C-alpha atoms as a PDB file:
ATOM      1  CA  MET A   1      -0.129  -0.197   0.008  1.00  0.00           C
ATOM      2  CA  ILE A   2       1.024   3.541  -0.717  1.00  0.00           C
ATOM      3  CA  ASN A   3       1.355   6.069   2.550  1.00  0.00           C
ATOM      4  CA  SER A   4      -0.062   8.985   2.303  1.00  0.00           C
ATOM      5  CA  LYS A   5       3.045  10.898   2.684  1.00  0.00           C
ATOM      6  CA  THR A   6       4.093   9.226  -0.838  1.00  0.00           C
ATOM      7  CA  MET A   7       0.903   9.731  -2.686  1.00  0.00           C
ATOM      8  CA  PHE A   8       1.392  13.581  -1.702  1.00  0.00           C
ATOM      9  CA  TYR A   9       4.728  13.336  -3.572  1.00  0.00           C
ATOM     10  CA  ILE A  10       3.071  11.770  -6.274  1.00  0.00           C
ATOM     11  CA  PHE A  11       0.618  14.575  -6.702  1.00  0.00           C
ATOM     12  CA  ILE A  12       2.662  17.220  -6.242  1.00  0.00           C
ATOM     13  CA  VAL A  13       4.889  15.622  -9.391  1.00  0.00           C
ATOM     14  CA  PHE A  14       1.747  15.741 -11.639  1.00  0.00           C
ATOM     15  CA  ALA A  15       1.350  19.632  -9.853  1.00  0.00           C
ATOM     16  CA  MET A  16       4.597  20.113 -11.607  1.00  0.00           C
ATOM     17  CA  ILE A  17       4.210  18.969 -14.737  1.00  0.00           C
ATOM     18  CA  PHE A  18       0.719  20.383 -15.333  1.00  0.00           C
ATOM     19  CA  TRP A  19       2.524  23.994 -14.600  1.00  0.00           C
ATOM     20  CA  GLY A  20       4.907  22.628 -17.381  1.00  0.00           C
ATOM     21  CA  ALA A  21       2.396  21.147 -19.573  1.00  0.00           C
ATOM     22  CA  SER A  22       0.552  25.030 -19.248  1.00  0.00           C
ATOM     23  CA  TRP A  23       3.076  26.392 -21.691  1.00  0.00           C
ATOM     24  CA  VAL A  24       1.977  23.704 -24.554  1.00  0.00           C
ATOM     25  CA  ASN A  25      -2.009  24.449 -23.674  1.00  0.00           C
ATOM     26  CA  VAL A  26      -1.020  28.450 -24.658  1.00  0.00           C
ATOM     27  CA  LYS A  27       0.437  27.531 -27.673  1.00  0.00           C
ATOM     28  CA  PHE A  28      -3.036  25.681 -28.622  1.00  0.00           C
ATOM     29  CA  LEU A  29      -4.891  28.377 -27.203  1.00  0.00           C
ATOM     30  CA  SER A  30      -3.240  31.143 -29.071  1.00  0.00           C
ATOM     31  CA  SER A  31      -4.910  30.049 -32.305  1.00  0.00           C
ATOM     32  CA  TYR A  32      -8.158  30.524 -30.741  1.00  0.00           C
ATOM     33  CA  VAL A  33      -8.457  33.353 -28.507  1.00  0.00           C
ATOM     34  CA  ASN A  34      -5.816  36.524 -27.556  1.00  0.00           C
ATOM     35  CA  GLU A  35      -4.197  36.903 -24.472  1.00  0.00           C
ATOM     36  CA  TYR A  36      -7.179  38.675 -22.622  1.00  0.00           C
ATOM     37  CA  GLU A  37      -9.456  36.113 -23.619  1.00  0.00           C
ATOM     38  CA  LEU A  38      -7.649  33.582 -22.360  1.00  0.00           C
ATOM     39  CA  ILE A  39      -6.794  35.186 -18.927  1.00  0.00           C
ATOM     40  CA  ILE A  40     -10.441  36.061 -18.202  1.00  0.00           C
ATOM     41  CA  LEU A  41     -11.201  32.125 -19.214  1.00  0.00           C
ATOM     42  CA  ARG A  42      -8.564  30.715 -17.061  1.00  0.00           C
ATOM     43  CA  MET A  43      -8.964  33.211 -13.791  1.00  0.00           C
ATOM     44  CA  GLY A  44     -13.069  32.946 -14.352  1.00  0.00           C
ATOM     45  CA  ILE A  45     -13.296  29.202 -14.300  1.00  0.00           C
ATOM     46  CA  SER A  46     -10.150  28.387 -11.683  1.00  0.00           C
ATOM     47  CA  PHE A  47     -11.721  30.957  -9.252  1.00  0.00           C
ATOM     48  CA  ILE A  48     -15.556  29.121  -9.647  1.00  0.00           C
ATOM     49  CA  CYS A  49     -13.539  25.799  -9.240  1.00  0.00           C
ATOM     50  CA  MET A  50     -11.666  27.142  -5.946  1.00  0.00           C
ATOM     51  CA  LEU A  51     -15.134  28.183  -4.381  1.00  0.00           C
ATOM     52  CA  PRO A  52     -15.955  24.613  -3.499  1.00  0.00           C
ATOM     53  CA  ILE A  53     -12.184  23.748  -2.562  1.00  0.00           C
ATOM     54  CA  ILE A  54     -12.142  26.692  -0.080  1.00  0.00           C
ATOM     55  CA  PHE A  55     -15.450  25.568   1.944  1.00  0.00           C
ATOM     56  CA  PHE A  56     -14.027  21.693   1.678  1.00  0.00           C
ATOM     57  CA  LEU A  57     -11.449  22.857   3.445  1.00  0.00           C
ATOM     58  CA  ARG A  58     -12.553  25.312   6.022  1.00  0.00           C
ATOM     59  CA  HIS A  59     -10.942  28.451   5.057  1.00  0.00           C
ATOM     60  CA  LYS A  60     -12.457  31.995   6.611  1.00  0.00           C
ATOM     61  CA  ILE A  61     -13.506  34.105   3.185  1.00  0.00           C
ATOM     62  CA  SER A  62     -13.427  37.075   4.200  1.00  0.00           C
ATOM     63  CA  ILE A  63     -10.531  39.258   4.088  1.00  0.00           C
ATOM     64  CA  ASP A  64      -9.644  43.051   5.520  1.00  0.00           C
ATOM     65  CA  PHE A  65      -8.586  46.235   3.868  1.00  0.00           C
ATOM     66  CA  LYS A  66      -5.038  45.580   4.128  1.00  0.00           C
ATOM     67  CA  THR A  67      -5.487  42.097   2.018  1.00  0.00           C
ATOM     68  CA  ILE A  68      -7.638  44.167  -0.185  1.00  0.00           C
ATOM     69  CA  PHE A  69      -5.143  46.454  -1.253  1.00  0.00           C
ATOM     70  CA  LEU A  70      -2.403  43.376  -1.243  1.00  0.00           C
ATOM     71  CA  VAL A  71      -4.849  41.590  -3.716  1.00  0.00           C
ATOM     72  CA  LEU A  72      -5.160  44.907  -5.594  1.00  0.00           C
ATOM     73  CA  LEU A  73      -1.209  44.651  -6.421  1.00  0.00           C
ATOM     74  CA  ALA A  74      -1.240  40.936  -6.871  1.00  0.00           C
ATOM     75  CA  SER A  75      -3.641  41.179  -9.140  1.00  0.00           C
ATOM     76  CA  ILE A  76      -2.185  43.510 -11.324  1.00  0.00           C
ATOM     77  CA  SER A  77       1.159  41.534 -11.548  1.00  0.00           C
ATOM     78  CA  LEU A  78      -0.818  38.542 -12.548  1.00  0.00           C
ATOM     79  CA  VAL A  79      -2.213  40.679 -15.506  1.00  0.00           C
ATOM     80  CA  SER A  80       1.298  41.824 -16.713  1.00  0.00           C
ATOM     81  CA  TYR A  81       2.730  38.351 -16.431  1.00  0.00           C
ATOM     82  CA  SER A  82      -0.764  36.544 -18.280  1.00  0.00           C
ATOM     83  CA  ILE A  83      -0.031  39.010 -21.239  1.00  0.00           C
ATOM     84  CA  VAL A  84       3.440  38.638 -21.618  1.00  0.00           C
ATOM     85  CA  PHE A  85       3.472  34.741 -21.317  1.00  0.00           C
ATOM     86  CA  PHE A  86       0.676  34.992 -23.741  1.00  0.00           C
ATOM     87  CA  LEU A  87       2.769  36.829 -26.370  1.00  0.00           C
ATOM     88  CA  GLY A  88       5.639  35.029 -25.720  1.00  0.00           C
ATOM     89  CA  VAL A  89       4.556  31.667 -26.221  1.00  0.00           C
ATOM     90  CA  ASP A  90       2.497  33.366 -29.133  1.00  0.00           C
ATOM     91  CA  HIS A  91       5.602  34.563 -31.276  1.00  0.00           C
ATOM     92  CA  GLY A  92       7.763  32.289 -29.838  1.00  0.00           C
ATOM     93  CA  THR A  93       8.396  28.285 -28.485  1.00  0.00           C
ATOM     94  CA  ALA A  94       6.554  27.023 -25.420  1.00  0.00           C
ATOM     95  CA  GLY A  95       8.967  24.822 -24.164  1.00  0.00           C
ATOM     96  CA  PHE A  96      12.097  27.467 -24.353  1.00  0.00           C
ATOM     97  CA  GLY A  97      10.110  30.098 -23.032  1.00  0.00           C
ATOM     98  CA  GLY A  98       8.946  27.471 -20.134  1.00  0.00           C
ATOM     99  CA  ALA A  99      12.784  26.235 -19.193  1.00  0.00           C
ATOM    100  CA  LEU A 100      13.879  29.889 -19.544  1.00  0.00           C
ATOM    101  CA  VAL A 101      10.920  31.679 -17.593  1.00  0.00           C
ATOM    102  CA  THR A 102      11.055  29.193 -14.727  1.00  0.00           C
ATOM    103  CA  THR A 103      14.655  29.511 -13.889  1.00  0.00           C
ATOM    104  CA  LEU A 104      14.865  32.927 -14.108  1.00  0.00           C
ATOM    105  CA  ILE A 105      12.063  33.542 -11.937  1.00  0.00           C
ATOM    106  CA  PRO A 106      13.627  32.186  -8.519  1.00  0.00           C
ATOM    107  CA  ILE A 107      17.123  34.140  -9.099  1.00  0.00           C
ATOM    108  CA  ASN A 108      15.451  37.534 -10.147  1.00  0.00           C
ATOM    109  CA  THR A 109      13.109  36.683  -6.641  1.00  0.00           C
ATOM    110  CA  PHE A 110      16.375  36.405  -5.225  1.00  0.00           C
ATOM    111  CA  LEU A 111      17.813  40.065  -6.884  1.00  0.00           C
ATOM    112  CA  ILE A 112      14.835  41.965  -6.066  1.00  0.00           C
ATOM    113  CA  LEU A 113      14.402  40.819  -2.248  1.00  0.00           C
ATOM    114  CA  ALA A 114      17.724  41.636  -1.920  1.00  0.00           C
ATOM    115  CA  VAL A 115      17.696  45.165  -3.369  1.00  0.00           C
ATOM    116  CA  LEU A 116      14.267  45.669  -1.679  1.00  0.00           C
ATOM    117  CA  ASN A 117      15.235  44.274   1.730  1.00  0.00           C
ATOM    118  CA  LYS A 118      19.377  45.963   1.110  1.00  0.00           C
ATOM    119  CA  LYS A 119      21.268  43.210   1.885  1.00  0.00           C
ATOM    120  CA  SER A 120      24.678  42.587   0.489  1.00  0.00           C
ATOM    121  CA  ILE A 121      25.324  39.781  -1.535  1.00  0.00           C
ATOM    122  CA  SER A 122      28.330  37.424  -0.363  1.00  0.00           C
ATOM    123  CA  ILE A 123      31.195  36.226  -2.927  1.00  0.00           C
ATOM    124  CA  LYS A 124      29.279  32.597  -2.675  1.00  0.00           C
ATOM    125  CA  HIS A 125      25.414  34.283  -3.628  1.00  0.00           C
ATOM    126  CA  SER A 126      27.645  36.017  -6.800  1.00  0.00           C
ATOM    127  CA  LEU A 127      29.053  32.896  -7.577  1.00  0.00           C
ATOM    128  CA  ALA A 128      25.693  31.044  -8.258  1.00  0.00           C
ATOM    129  CA  LEU A 129      23.990  34.163  -9.169  1.00  0.00           C
ATOM    130  CA  ALA A 130      27.034  34.361 -12.067  1.00  0.00           C
ATOM    131  CA  LEU A 131      26.533  31.135 -12.782  1.00  0.00           C
ATOM    132  CA  GLY A 132      22.663  31.476 -13.341  1.00  0.00           C
ATOM    133  CA  ALA A 133      23.404  34.371 -15.552  1.00  0.00           C
ATOM    134  CA  PHE A 134      25.673  32.133 -17.784  1.00  0.00           C
ATOM    135  CA  GLY A 135      23.192  29.438 -18.221  1.00  0.00           C
ATOM    136  CA  VAL A 136      20.331  32.208 -18.634  1.00  0.00           C
ATOM    137  CA  LEU A 137      22.828  33.981 -21.586  1.00  0.00           C
ATOM    138  CA  THR A 138      23.602  30.387 -23.224  1.00  0.00           C
ATOM    139  CA  MET A 139      19.841  29.878 -23.181  1.00  0.00           C
ATOM    140  CA  LEU A 140      19.271  33.000 -25.264  1.00  0.00           C
ATOM    141  CA  ASN A 141      22.172  31.598 -27.552  1.00  0.00           C
ATOM    142  CA  ILE A 142      24.270  35.490 -26.976  1.00  0.00           C
ATOM    143  CA  TRP A 143      27.201  33.412 -28.337  1.00  0.00           C
ATOM    144  CA  SER A 144      26.096  32.995 -31.365  1.00  0.00           C
ATOM    145  CA  PHE A 145      25.902  36.741 -31.469  1.00  0.00           C
ATOM    146  CA  ASP A 146      23.190  37.199 -33.229  1.00  0.00           C
ATOM    147  CA  ILE A 147      21.026  40.984 -32.070  1.00  0.00           C
ATOM    148  CA  ASN A 148      18.311  40.130 -34.034  1.00  0.00           C
ATOM    149  CA  GLU A 149      17.665  36.613 -31.889  1.00  0.00           C
ATOM    150  CA  ILE A 150      18.531  37.724 -28.204  1.00  0.00           C
ATOM    151  CA  PHE A 151      16.509  40.571 -28.497  1.00  0.00           C
ATOM    152  CA  SER A 152      14.033  39.254 -30.307  1.00  0.00           C
ATOM    153  CA  ILE A 153      10.439  40.084 -28.832  1.00  0.00           C
ATOM    154  CA  GLU A 154       9.603  36.863 -27.965  1.00  0.00           C
ATOM    155  CA  ASN A 155      12.687  36.862 -25.529  1.00  0.00           C
ATOM    156  CA  ILE A 156      11.691  40.062 -24.350  1.00  0.00           C
ATOM    157  CA  TYR A 157       8.535  38.957 -23.148  1.00  0.00           C
ATOM    158  CA  PHE A 158       9.689  36.068 -21.709  1.00  0.00           C
ATOM    159  CA  LEU A 159      12.246  38.104 -19.526  1.00  0.00           C
ATOM    160  CA  LEU A 160       9.503  40.814 -18.708  1.00  0.00           C
ATOM    161  CA  ALA A 161       7.437  37.543 -17.625  1.00  0.00           C
ATOM    162  CA  SER A 162      10.122  36.459 -15.106  1.00  0.00           C
ATOM    163  CA  ILE A 163       9.836  39.849 -13.641  1.00  0.00           C
ATOM    164  CA  PHE A 164       6.314  39.562 -13.098  1.00  0.00           C
ATOM    165  CA  TRP A 165       6.140  36.904 -11.485  1.00  0.00           C
ATOM    166  CA  PRO A 166       8.924  37.633  -8.456  1.00  0.00           C
ATOM    167  CA  ILE A 167       6.692  40.545  -8.216  1.00  0.00           C
ATOM    168  CA  LEU A 168       3.236  38.516  -7.861  1.00  0.00           C
ATOM    169  CA  THR A 169       5.232  35.976  -5.165  1.00  0.00           C
ATOM    170  CA  ILE A 170       7.140  39.018  -3.567  1.00  0.00           C
ATOM    171  CA  VAL A 171       3.422  40.946  -2.657  1.00  0.00           C
ATOM    172  CA  SER A 172       1.556  37.070  -2.063  1.00  0.00           C
ATOM    173  CA  SER A 173       3.946  36.615   0.742  1.00  0.00           C
ATOM    174  CA  LYS A 174       3.084  39.872   2.675  1.00  0.00           C
ATOM    175  CA  ASN A 175      -0.476  38.041   3.283  1.00  0.00           C
ATOM    176  CA  THR A 176      -0.557  36.772   6.536  1.00  0.00           C
ATOM    177  CA  ARG A 177      -3.990  37.118   7.643  1.00  0.00           C
ATOM    178  CA  THR A 178      -5.793  34.910   5.154  1.00  0.00           C
ATOM    179  CA  SER A 179      -5.028  31.317   3.719  1.00  0.00           C
ATOM    180  CA  PRO A 180      -3.228  31.311   0.209  1.00  0.00           C
ATOM    181  CA  LEU A 181      -5.544  29.708  -1.554  1.00  0.00           C
ATOM    182  CA  VAL A 182      -8.308  32.572  -0.524  1.00  0.00           C
ATOM    183  CA  PHE A 183      -5.940  35.256  -0.951  1.00  0.00           C
ATOM    184  CA  THR A 184      -5.269  33.295  -4.968  1.00  0.00           C
ATOM    185  CA  PHE A 185      -8.909  33.206  -5.130  1.00  0.00           C
ATOM    186  CA  TYR A 186      -9.455  37.054  -4.354  1.00  0.00           C
ATOM    187  CA  VAL A 187      -6.564  37.853  -6.666  1.00  0.00           C
ATOM    188  CA  TYR A 188      -8.501  35.701  -9.553  1.00  0.00           C
ATOM    189  CA  ILE A 189     -11.963  37.238  -8.971  1.00  0.00           C
ATOM    190  CA  LEU A 190     -10.257  40.904  -9.365  1.00  0.00           C
ATOM    191  CA  SER A 191      -8.302  40.190 -12.099  1.00  0.00           C
ATOM    192  CA  SER A 192     -11.248  38.546 -13.931  1.00  0.00           C
ATOM    193  CA  ILE A 193     -13.240  41.819 -13.450  1.00  0.00           C
ATOM    194  CA  PHE A 194     -10.384  44.418 -14.818  1.00  0.00           C
ATOM    195  CA  ILE A 195     -10.259  42.203 -17.777  1.00  0.00           C
ATOM    196  CA  SER A 196     -13.839  42.004 -18.815  1.00  0.00           C
ATOM    197  CA  LEU A 197     -13.896  45.159 -18.034  1.00  0.00           C
ATOM    198  CA  PHE A 198     -11.861  47.127 -20.272  1.00  0.00           C
ATOM    199  CA  TYR A 199     -10.803  44.648 -23.002  1.00  0.00           C
ATOM    200  CA  VAL A 200     -13.309  41.018 -23.429  1.00  0.00           C
ATOM    201  CA  ASP A 201     -16.949  41.135 -24.410  1.00  0.00           C
ATOM    202  CA  LEU A 202     -18.050  38.305 -22.620  1.00  0.00           C
ATOM    203  CA  GLY A 203     -21.463  38.307 -24.432  1.00  0.00           C
ATOM    204  CA  VAL A 204     -19.303  37.845 -27.823  1.00  0.00           C
ATOM    205  CA  LEU A 205     -16.713  35.533 -25.936  1.00  0.00           C
ATOM    206  CA  SER A 206     -19.128  33.259 -24.613  1.00  0.00           C
ATOM    207  CA  GLN A 207     -21.022  32.952 -28.261  1.00  0.00           C
ATOM    208  CA  GLU A 208     -17.392  32.198 -30.089  1.00  0.00           C
ATOM    209  CA  ILE A 209     -15.936  29.667 -27.444  1.00  0.00           C
ATOM    210  CA  PHE A 210     -18.631  27.167 -28.292  1.00  0.00           C
ATOM    211  CA  THR A 211     -17.946  26.939 -31.857  1.00  0.00           C
ATOM    212  CA  PHE A 212     -14.424  25.785 -31.256  1.00  0.00           C
ATOM    213  CA  ASP A 213     -13.438  22.187 -31.375  1.00  0.00           C
ATOM    214  CA  TYR A 214     -12.190  19.411 -28.888  1.00  0.00           C
ATOM    215  CA  VAL A 215      -8.236  20.754 -28.629  1.00  0.00           C
ATOM    216  CA  PHE A 216      -9.555  24.127 -27.672  1.00  0.00           C
ATOM    217  CA  TRP A 217     -11.682  22.047 -24.818  1.00  0.00           C
ATOM    218  CA  LEU A 218      -9.021  19.878 -23.802  1.00  0.00           C
ATOM    219  CA  ASN A 219      -6.148  22.280 -23.375  1.00  0.00           C
ATOM    220  CA  LEU A 220      -9.131  24.972 -21.978  1.00  0.00           C
ATOM    221  CA  PHE A 221      -9.542  21.868 -19.349  1.00  0.00           C
ATOM    222  CA  VAL A 222      -5.545  21.303 -18.684  1.00  0.00           C
ATOM    223  CA  ILE A 223      -4.338  24.746 -18.199  1.00  0.00           C
ATOM    224  CA  THR A 224      -7.536  26.011 -15.538  1.00  0.00           C
ATOM    225  CA  ILE A 225      -8.533  22.691 -13.844  1.00  0.00           C
ATOM    226  CA  LEU A 226      -5.111  20.541 -13.942  1.00  0.00           C
ATOM    227  CA  ALA A 227      -3.126  23.327 -13.977  1.00  0.00           C
ATOM    228  CA  THR A 228      -4.395  26.281 -11.954  1.00  0.00           C
ATOM    229  CA  VAL A 229      -6.948  24.613  -9.245  1.00  0.00           C
ATOM    230  CA  PHE A 230      -5.346  21.496  -8.776  1.00  0.00           C
ATOM    231  CA  ALA A 231      -1.575  22.227  -8.871  1.00  0.00           C
ATOM    232  CA  SER A 232      -2.368  25.509  -6.591  1.00  0.00           C
ATOM    233  CA  THR A 233      -4.188  23.536  -4.507  1.00  0.00           C
ATOM    234  CA  ILE A 234      -1.780  20.471  -3.907  1.00  0.00           C
ATOM    235  CA  TYR A 235       0.971  23.422  -3.805  1.00  0.00           C
ATOM    236  CA  PHE A 236      -0.302  25.293  -1.171  1.00  0.00           C
ATOM    237  CA  ILE A 237      -1.916  22.006   0.706  1.00  0.00           C
ATOM    238  CA  GLY A 238       1.734  20.670   0.644  1.00  0.00           C
ATOM    239  CA  ILE A 239       3.302  23.933   1.775  1.00  0.00           C
ATOM    240  CA  ASN A 240       1.146  23.393   5.118  1.00  0.00           C
ATOM    241  CA  LYS A 241       1.864  19.611   5.057  1.00  0.00           C
ATOM    242  CA  LEU A 242       5.358  19.233   4.349  1.00  0.00           C
ATOM    243  CA  GLY A 243       7.230  22.896   4.615  1.00  0.00           C
ATOM    244  CA  THR A 244       8.141  25.197   1.962  1.00  0.00           C
ATOM    245  CA  ASN A 245      11.713  23.965   1.277  1.00  0.00           C
ATOM    246  CA  GLU A 246      10.495  20.580   0.866  1.00  0.00           C
ATOM    247  CA  VAL A 247       7.882  21.454  -1.651  1.00  0.00           C
ATOM    248  CA  SER A 248       9.937  24.103  -3.604  1.00  0.00           C
ATOM    249  CA  SER A 249      12.154  21.214  -4.893  1.00  0.00           C
ATOM    250  CA  PHE A 250       9.868  19.966  -6.870  1.00  0.00           C
ATOM    251  CA  VAL A 251       9.713  23.403  -8.937  1.00  0.00           C
ATOM    252  CA  PHE A 252      12.616  22.241 -10.416  1.00  0.00           C
ATOM    253  CA  LEU A 253      10.437  19.485 -12.483  1.00  0.00           C
ATOM    254  CA  VAL A 254       8.315  22.432 -14.148  1.00  0.00           C
ATOM    255  CA  PRO A 255      10.591  23.469 -16.789  1.00  0.00           C
ATOM    256  CA  SER A 256      12.041  20.176 -18.090  1.00  0.00           C
ATOM    257  CA  SER A 257       8.664  19.157 -18.002  1.00  0.00           C
ATOM    258  CA  ALA A 258       7.702  22.294 -20.302  1.00  0.00           C
ATOM    259  CA  LEU A 259      10.494  21.518 -22.877  1.00  0.00           C
ATOM    260  CA  ILE A 260       9.997  17.217 -22.873  1.00  0.00           C
ATOM    261  CA  LEU A 261       5.618  18.337 -23.645  1.00  0.00           C
ATOM    262  CA  SER A 262       6.501  20.629 -26.023  1.00  0.00           C
ATOM    263  CA  ALA A 263       8.513  18.333 -28.109  1.00  0.00           C
ATOM    264  CA  ILE A 264       5.900  15.910 -27.882  1.00  0.00           C
ATOM    265  CA  PHE A 265       3.200  17.739 -28.737  1.00  0.00           C
ATOM    266  CA  LEU A 266       4.755  20.517 -30.639  1.00  0.00           C
ATOM    267  CA  ASP A 267       7.354  18.933 -32.723  1.00  0.00           C
ATOM    268  CA  GLU A 268       9.400  21.656 -31.032  1.00  0.00           C
ATOM    269  CA  LYS A 269      13.301  21.015 -31.299  1.00  0.00           C
ATOM    270  CA  ILE A 270      15.401  20.600 -27.824  1.00  0.00           C
ATOM    271  CA  THR A 271      18.581  22.507 -28.656  1.00  0.00           C
ATOM    272  CA  PHE A 272      21.583  22.116 -26.849  1.00  0.00           C
ATOM    273  CA  THR A 273      21.935  25.496 -25.790  1.00  0.00           C
ATOM    274  CA  THR A 274      18.534  25.318 -23.674  1.00  0.00           C
ATOM    275  CA  ILE A 275      19.514  22.698 -22.327  1.00  0.00           C
ATOM    276  CA  PHE A 276      23.187  23.355 -21.270  1.00  0.00           C
ATOM    277  CA  GLY A 277      21.405  26.333 -19.835  1.00  0.00           C
ATOM    278  CA  MET A 278      19.138  24.972 -18.020  1.00  0.00           C
ATOM    279  CA  ILE A 279      20.926  22.682 -16.426  1.00  0.00           C
ATOM    280  CA  CYS A 280      23.433  25.645 -14.968  1.00  0.00           C
ATOM    281  CA  THR A 281      20.752  27.826 -13.978  1.00  0.00           C
ATOM    282  CA  ILE A 282      18.754  24.713 -11.536  1.00  0.00           C
ATOM    283  CA  ILE A 283      22.168  24.297 -10.214  1.00  0.00           C
ATOM    284  CA  ALA A 284      22.506  27.901  -9.486  1.00  0.00           C
ATOM    285  CA  ILE A 285      18.898  27.654  -7.999  1.00  0.00           C
ATOM    286  CA  TYR A 286      19.806  24.841  -5.922  1.00  0.00           C
ATOM    287  CA  ILE A 287      23.157  26.390  -4.576  1.00  0.00           C
ATOM    288  CA  LEU A 288      21.088  29.819  -3.722  1.00  0.00           C
ATOM    289  CA  ILE A 289      18.365  27.588  -2.020  1.00  0.00           C
ATOM    290  CA  LYS A 290      20.803  25.843   0.042  1.00  0.00           C
ATOM    291  CA  LEU A 291      22.602  29.411   1.096  1.00  0.00           C
ATOM    292  CA  PHE A 292      19.395  30.522   1.690  1.00  0.00           C
ATOM    293  CA  ARG A 293      18.327  27.547   4.328  1.00  0.00           C
ATOM    294  CA  LYS A 294      22.062  27.980   5.914  1.00  0.00           C
END
């Protein structure tokens, strides 16, 4: 028999795979809807599905004014991330974007926190960051010295995504008065309202989506129910049961999942520079996490 902890590890592994798969899902969905329509579909379906989970886990749904302000900042960050995430995948490749962004996010988070907290960076941290920078530059294929390739529009979108997500993470970490699941629930609601008011005609969208084929609905199901609701819920429960350090180590599965799934479903080529650069950044992140835990 599989014990409960082992089963939970299996769930977390699948959650990380679904997060990696979301890059592939966006590539497919970009041929059906634009970035704003995808945001409202993803966030709208997700917060509706999260409501029964919140009640099942008996989380308090009330929030105070300070939390509302944090929700507002987090919503702006999430919408910004979602837009550049979509545009990057739409213009570029899902596998490369998934590998670059998910490995660059922890490094950018560390740097932003160091600046905000006015902390000096030790020699060990500097060496780890240098290795991470080398890995990122290798993934961007900077050694080819092709300016058009290095500063391509999709690379710019991916780099912006790797900045907006750390901002979202840092803002969300300031929430201490409600559960992360409830906080995320309100972020999804506010993001959906913002997009629906200014960018999307819900009447037109509701008519269009029912004309789409099974490919659309399958990818929408994966990116909302599996990659957002299931994966996020498992991640937050995992942090509560196993601790942040143990659960965060599973995030390393995301970039490799994005690369492998993109190769399988999108026939994208996995280049040596992408793999080598990803390995360098993962090692750098691992070192930073180890140093942070001391």
